[in-house]
Amino acid sequence: MLSPWALGVQADPALTSNAVLVGLALIAVTMGAMLVPRAWEEWSEALVGLWLMESPWVAGFAGQRQAVLSALITGAAVVALAMWTLPSDPDYRNWLNDEPTPH
């Protein structure tokens, strides 16, 4: 969320708004995961990470090398952590094994 200021590229409105919105989305998904833990939060985090990885080209800041690297590395880390956590989620394990979710 603070990467545009850390990288000194906050003058680019597309880049800055994308970073802030992605940061807020990750915070919202994380808060949702803490309040209502379900498998959806890992999938949501993975989708946000994938968006972050393709956002330099979609949002038009692909010419800023530091910002692209930041988006790619951070997005890949978010996706990797979400996929790493997913197998530990009981909802996902039950769905994968076609078992009812325990309540």
C-alpha atoms as a PDB file:
ATOM      1  CA  MET A   1       0.000   0.000   0.000  1.00  0.00           C
ATOM      2  CA  LEU A   2       2.893   2.324   0.711  1.00  0.00           C
ATOM      3  CA  SER A   3       5.154   1.145  -2.107  1.00  0.00           C
ATOM      4  CA  PRO A   4       4.676   4.223  -4.360  1.00  0.00           C
ATOM      5  CA  TRP A   5       6.095   6.447  -1.617  1.00  0.00           C
ATOM      6  CA  ALA A   6       8.822   3.940  -0.718  1.00  0.00           C
ATOM      7  CA  LEU A   7       9.882   3.774  -4.377  1.00  0.00           C
ATOM      8  CA  GLY A   8       9.441   7.499  -5.007  1.00  0.00           C
ATOM      9  CA  VAL A   9       6.884   7.030  -7.787  1.00  0.00           C
ATOM     10  CA  GLN A  10       3.832   8.494  -6.058  1.00  0.00           C
ATOM     11  CA  ALA A  11       3.430  11.088  -8.828  1.00  0.00           C
ATOM     12  CA  ASP A  12       1.902   8.409 -11.098  1.00  0.00           C
ATOM     13  CA  PRO A  13      -1.822   8.410 -10.247  1.00  0.00           C
ATOM     14  CA  ALA A  14      -2.562   4.995 -11.809  1.00  0.00           C
ATOM     15  CA  LEU A  15       0.294   3.355  -9.967  1.00  0.00           C
ATOM     16  CA  THR A  16      -0.503   5.024  -6.639  1.00  0.00           C
ATOM     17  CA  SER A  17      -4.234   4.351  -6.748  1.00  0.00           C
ATOM     18  CA  ASN A  18      -3.609   0.733  -7.769  1.00  0.00           C
ATOM     19  CA  ALA A  19      -1.185   0.189  -4.880  1.00  0.00           C
ATOM     20  CA  VAL A  20      -3.542   1.760  -2.350  1.00  0.00           C
ATOM     21  CA  LEU A  21      -6.576  -0.178  -3.617  1.00  0.00           C
ATOM     22  CA  VAL A  22      -4.679  -3.491  -3.679  1.00  0.00           C
ATOM     23  CA  GLY A  23      -3.388  -2.822  -0.176  1.00  0.00           C
ATOM     24  CA  LEU A  24      -6.892  -2.038   1.071  1.00  0.00           C
ATOM     25  CA  ALA A  25      -8.251  -5.160  -0.644  1.00  0.00           C
ATOM     26  CA  LEU A  26      -5.631  -7.335   1.046  1.00  0.00           C
ATOM     27  CA  ILE A  27      -6.406  -5.756   4.419  1.00  0.00           C
ATOM     28  CA  ALA A  28     -10.139  -6.334   3.885  1.00  0.00           C
ATOM     29  CA  VAL A  29      -9.641  -9.970   2.881  1.00  0.00           C
ATOM     30  CA  THR A  30      -7.331 -10.534   5.840  1.00  0.00           C
ATOM     31  CA  MET A  31      -9.835  -8.988   8.246  1.00  0.00           C
ATOM     32  CA  GLY A  32     -12.555 -11.150   6.712  1.00  0.00           C
ATOM     33  CA  ALA A  33     -10.365 -14.200   7.187  1.00  0.00           C
ATOM     34  CA  MET A  34      -9.922 -13.347  10.850  1.00  0.00           C
ATOM     35  CA  LEU A  35     -13.637 -12.780  11.431  1.00  0.00           C
ATOM     36  CA  VAL A  36     -15.143 -15.477   9.195  1.00  0.00           C
ATOM     37  CA  PRO A  37     -12.448 -18.042   8.405  1.00  0.00           C
ATOM     38  CA  ARG A  38     -13.362 -19.910   5.235  1.00  0.00           C
ATOM     39  CA  ALA A  39     -11.543 -21.091   2.120  1.00  0.00           C
ATOM     40  CA  TRP A  40     -12.738 -18.046   0.152  1.00  0.00           C
ATOM     41  CA  GLU A  41     -10.141 -15.784   1.757  1.00  0.00           C
ATOM     42  CA  GLU A  42      -7.201 -17.734   0.339  1.00  0.00           C
ATOM     43  CA  TRP A  43      -8.778 -17.683  -3.126  1.00  0.00           C
ATOM     44  CA  SER A  44      -9.491 -13.956  -2.747  1.00  0.00           C
ATOM     45  CA  GLU A  45      -5.906 -13.280  -1.682  1.00  0.00           C
ATOM     46  CA  ALA A  46      -4.641 -15.279  -4.656  1.00  0.00           C
ATOM     47  CA  LEU A  47      -6.846 -13.272  -7.045  1.00  0.00           C
ATOM     48  CA  VAL A  48      -5.596  -9.993  -5.570  1.00  0.00           C
ATOM     49  CA  GLY A  49      -2.019 -11.263  -5.957  1.00  0.00           C
ATOM     50  CA  LEU A  50      -2.652 -12.209  -9.582  1.00  0.00           C
ATOM     51  CA  TRP A  51      -4.154  -8.779 -10.229  1.00  0.00           C
ATOM     52  CA  LEU A  52      -1.108  -7.165  -8.651  1.00  0.00           C
ATOM     53  CA  MET A  53       1.160  -9.146 -10.972  1.00  0.00           C
ATOM     54  CA  GLU A  54      -0.656  -8.038 -14.127  1.00  0.00           C
ATOM     55  CA  SER A  55      -1.569  -4.528 -12.973  1.00  0.00           C
ATOM     56  CA  PRO A  56       1.509  -2.779 -14.412  1.00  0.00           C
ATOM     57  CA  TRP A  57       0.324  -3.618 -17.931  1.00  0.00           C
ATOM     58  CA  VAL A  58      -3.405  -3.175 -17.303  1.00  0.00           C
ATOM     59  CA  ALA A  59      -3.059   0.070 -15.331  1.00  0.00           C
ATOM     60  CA  GLY A  60      -0.376   1.449 -17.644  1.00  0.00           C
ATOM     61  CA  PHE A  61       2.725   1.790 -15.490  1.00  0.00           C
ATOM     62  CA  ALA A  62       4.775  -0.996 -17.093  1.00  0.00           C
ATOM     63  CA  GLY A  63       7.466   1.533 -18.021  1.00  0.00           C
ATOM     64  CA  GLN A  64       8.472   2.029 -14.388  1.00  0.00           C
ATOM     65  CA  ARG A  65      10.868  -0.823 -13.708  1.00  0.00           C
ATOM     66  CA  GLN A  66      10.944  -0.543  -9.899  1.00  0.00           C
ATOM     67  CA  ALA A  67       7.165  -0.468  -9.685  1.00  0.00           C
ATOM     68  CA  VAL A  68       6.845  -3.459 -12.027  1.00  0.00           C
ATOM     69  CA  LEU A  69       9.346  -5.488  -9.994  1.00  0.00           C
ATOM     70  CA  SER A  70       7.590  -4.532  -6.778  1.00  0.00           C
ATOM     71  CA  ALA A  71       4.207  -5.560  -8.172  1.00  0.00           C
ATOM     72  CA  LEU A  72       5.534  -8.847  -9.580  1.00  0.00           C
ATOM     73  CA  ILE A  73       7.448  -9.868  -6.460  1.00  0.00           C
ATOM     74  CA  THR A  74       4.722  -8.826  -4.035  1.00  0.00           C
ATOM     75  CA  GLY A  75       1.977 -10.383  -6.147  1.00  0.00           C
ATOM     76  CA  ALA A  76       3.910 -13.649  -6.450  1.00  0.00           C
ATOM     77  CA  ALA A  77       4.473 -13.702  -2.682  1.00  0.00           C
ATOM     78  CA  VAL A  78       0.763 -13.136  -2.014  1.00  0.00           C
ATOM     79  CA  VAL A  79      -0.233 -15.922  -4.432  1.00  0.00           C
ATOM     80  CA  ALA A  80       2.391 -18.310  -3.037  1.00  0.00           C
ATOM     81  CA  LEU A  81       1.355 -17.674   0.575  1.00  0.00           C
ATOM     82  CA  ALA A  82      -2.337 -18.051  -0.252  1.00  0.00           C
ATOM     83  CA  MET A  83      -1.739 -21.332  -2.065  1.00  0.00           C
ATOM     84  CA  TRP A  84       0.535 -22.537   0.742  1.00  0.00           C
ATOM     85  CA  THR A  85      -2.145 -21.785   3.354  1.00  0.00           C
ATOM     86  CA  LEU A  86      -5.044 -23.222   1.352  1.00  0.00           C
ATOM     87  CA  PRO A  87      -4.390 -26.924   2.130  1.00  0.00           C
ATOM     88  CA  SER A  88      -4.530 -26.173   5.869  1.00  0.00           C
ATOM     89  CA  ASP A  89      -8.059 -24.761   5.547  1.00  0.00           C
ATOM     90  CA  PRO A  90     -10.651 -27.340   6.717  1.00  0.00           C
ATOM     91  CA  ASP A  91     -13.304 -25.997   4.299  1.00  0.00           C
ATOM     92  CA  TYR A  92     -11.015 -26.534   1.328  1.00  0.00           C
ATOM     93  CA  ARG A  93      -9.829 -29.965   2.524  1.00  0.00           C
ATOM     94  CA  ASN A  94     -13.442 -31.080   3.028  1.00  0.00           C
ATOM     95  CA  TRP A  95     -14.460 -29.742  -0.379  1.00  0.00           C
ATOM     96  CA  LEU A  96     -11.463 -31.392  -2.007  1.00  0.00           C
ATOM     97  CA  ASN A  97     -12.328 -34.714  -0.355  1.00  0.00           C
ATOM     98  CA  ASP A  98     -16.060 -34.161  -1.008  1.00  0.00           C
ATOM     99  CA  GLU A  99     -16.901 -34.249   2.695  1.00  0.00           C
ATOM    100  CA  PRO A 100     -19.466 -32.067   4.472  1.00  0.00           C
ATOM    101  CA  THR A 101     -18.078 -29.120   6.394  1.00  0.00           C
ATOM    102  CA  PRO A 102     -18.136 -29.752  10.172  1.00  0.00           C
ATOM    103  CA  HIS A 103     -20.036 -27.174  12.230  1.00  0.00           C
END
